[in-house]
Amino acid sequence: MTSNITEAEIVSLDIKELNKKLKYKNVSKPEQQELKKLRRKIKMNKYRRDSRMRKTTELETLLELRALLLDELIGLEQEVVYLHNSKDHLIKHIHSSDEDDEYGEFVVVD
């Protein structure tokens, strides 16, 4: 490039500022077109890279959330099993106390 404009300048400048700078430096039309193509190429690469990073970050976040939810699910399933076992134990206890109670009613003990 004979225009002495760096890639960082090309990308960082607003398009109007870039056009002014190119005009001020008397850059030829074909070279201006090449610089603008280069600018677009660099920006598109940055957009693609940012998009990939965003998707990767989102995927990692979702995988972490999934792991937390699976842990919570396992805990809830264990709680359900415990509650079923407790219920079964209480039902057996009630049935055995019904046989001991001559009136067939629950006995309340204070």
Protein backbone atom coordinates (compact mmCIF):
# COMPACT_ATOMS: atom_id res chain seq x y z
CA MET A 1 0.00 0.00 0.00
CA THR A 2 1.42 3.30 -1.03
CA SER A 3 -1.10 5.36 0.94
CA ASN A 4 0.69 4.87 4.30
CA ILE A 5 -2.59 4.07 6.07
CA THR A 6 -2.41 1.19 8.50
CA GLU A 7 -5.02 -1.55 8.76
CA ALA A 8 -5.82 -0.37 12.28
CA GLU A 9 -6.60 3.11 10.95
CA ILE A 10 -8.70 1.71 8.12
CA VAL A 11 -10.86 -0.28 10.53
CA SER A 12 -11.03 2.21 13.38
CA LEU A 13 -11.97 5.25 11.33
CA ASP A 14 -15.57 6.09 10.56
CA ILE A 15 -16.19 5.71 6.82
CA LYS A 16 -16.62 9.47 6.39
CA GLU A 17 -13.32 10.12 8.15
CA LEU A 18 -11.63 7.45 6.06
CA ASN A 19 -12.95 9.03 2.85
CA LYS A 20 -11.65 12.43 3.98
CA LYS A 21 -8.26 10.97 4.84
CA LEU A 22 -8.03 9.16 1.50
CA LYS A 23 -8.99 12.35 -0.34
CA TYR A 24 -6.51 14.40 1.71
CA LYS A 25 -3.70 11.96 0.87
CA ASN A 26 -4.67 11.93 -2.82
CA VAL A 27 -5.15 8.16 -2.94
CA SER A 28 -6.16 6.92 -6.38
CA LYS A 29 -9.68 5.53 -6.95
CA PRO A 30 -8.52 1.93 -7.55
CA GLU A 31 -6.42 2.04 -4.37
CA GLN A 32 -9.37 3.53 -2.45
CA GLN A 33 -11.51 0.63 -3.64
CA GLU A 34 -8.85 -1.85 -2.53
CA LEU A 35 -8.59 -0.19 0.87
CA LYS A 36 -12.36 -0.26 1.29
CA LYS A 37 -12.43 -3.95 0.30
CA LEU A 38 -9.69 -4.61 2.84
CA ARG A 39 -11.66 -2.67 5.47
CA ARG A 40 -14.78 -4.72 4.79
CA LYS A 41 -12.79 -7.98 4.85
CA ILE A 42 -11.20 -7.12 8.22
CA LYS A 43 -14.55 -6.06 9.69
CA MET A 44 -16.28 -9.22 8.45
CA ASN A 45 -13.54 -11.37 9.98
CA LYS A 46 -14.00 -9.53 13.27
CA TYR A 47 -17.79 -10.04 13.13
CA ARG A 48 -17.30 -13.76 12.46
CA ARG A 49 -14.78 -14.12 15.28
CA ASP A 50 -17.04 -12.23 17.72
CA SER A 51 -20.01 -14.36 16.69
CA ARG A 52 -18.05 -17.57 17.27
CA MET A 53 -16.93 -16.33 20.69
CA ARG A 54 -20.48 -15.32 21.61
CA LYS A 55 -21.82 -18.74 20.57
CA THR A 56 -19.05 -20.55 22.45
CA THR A 57 -19.71 -18.51 25.59
CA GLU A 58 -23.45 -19.11 25.30
CA LEU A 59 -22.89 -22.85 24.82
CA GLU A 60 -20.62 -23.02 27.88
CA THR A 61 -23.20 -21.13 29.94
CA LEU A 62 -25.98 -23.45 28.81
CA LEU A 63 -23.89 -26.55 29.57
CA GLU A 64 -23.17 -25.24 33.08
CA LEU A 65 -26.86 -24.51 33.60
CA ARG A 66 -27.73 -28.00 32.33
CA ALA A 67 -25.30 -29.56 34.83
CA LEU A 68 -26.84 -27.55 37.68
CA LEU A 69 -30.35 -28.55 36.64
CA LEU A 70 -29.35 -32.22 36.37
CA ASP A 71 -27.90 -32.07 39.89
CA GLU A 72 -31.11 -30.47 41.12
CA LEU A 73 -33.16 -33.15 39.34
CA ILE A 74 -31.15 -35.94 40.95
CA GLY A 75 -31.66 -34.34 44.36
CA LEU A 76 -35.40 -34.05 43.76
CA GLU A 77 -35.63 -37.66 42.58
CA GLN A 78 -33.85 -38.78 45.75
CA GLU A 79 -36.27 -36.71 47.81
CA VAL A 80 -39.23 -38.34 46.04
CA VAL A 81 -37.84 -41.81 46.81
CA TYR A 82 -37.32 -40.82 50.45
CA LEU A 83 -40.88 -39.44 50.71
CA HIS A 84 -42.36 -42.59 49.13
CA ASN A 85 -40.44 -44.74 51.58
CA SER A 86 -41.60 -42.56 54.47
CA LYS A 87 -45.19 -42.78 53.25
CA ASP A 88 -44.98 -46.58 52.96
CA HIS A 89 -43.50 -46.79 56.44
CA LEU A 90 -46.28 -44.59 57.88
CA ILE A 91 -48.97 -46.64 56.11
CA LYS A 92 -47.54 -49.87 57.56
CA HIS A 93 -47.38 -48.24 60.98
CA ILE A 94 -51.00 -47.08 60.73
CA HIS A 95 -52.19 -50.53 59.63
CA SER A 96 -50.34 -52.21 62.48
CA SER A 97 -51.76 -49.75 65.01
CA ASP A 98 -55.27 -50.25 63.56
CA GLU A 99 -55.02 -53.93 64.43
CA ASP A 100 -54.02 -53.04 67.99
CA ASP A 101 -56.85 -50.49 68.41
CA GLU A 102 -60.13 -52.21 69.27
CA TYR A 103 -62.24 -49.29 67.96
CA GLY A 104 -60.45 -48.98 64.64
CA GLU A 105 -59.69 -45.30 65.25
CA PHE A 106 -56.44 -43.46 65.53
CA VAL A 107 -55.22 -43.03 69.05
CA VAL A 108 -53.89 -39.56 69.75
CA VAL A 109 -51.17 -39.50 72.35
CA ASP A 110 -50.05 -36.22 73.87
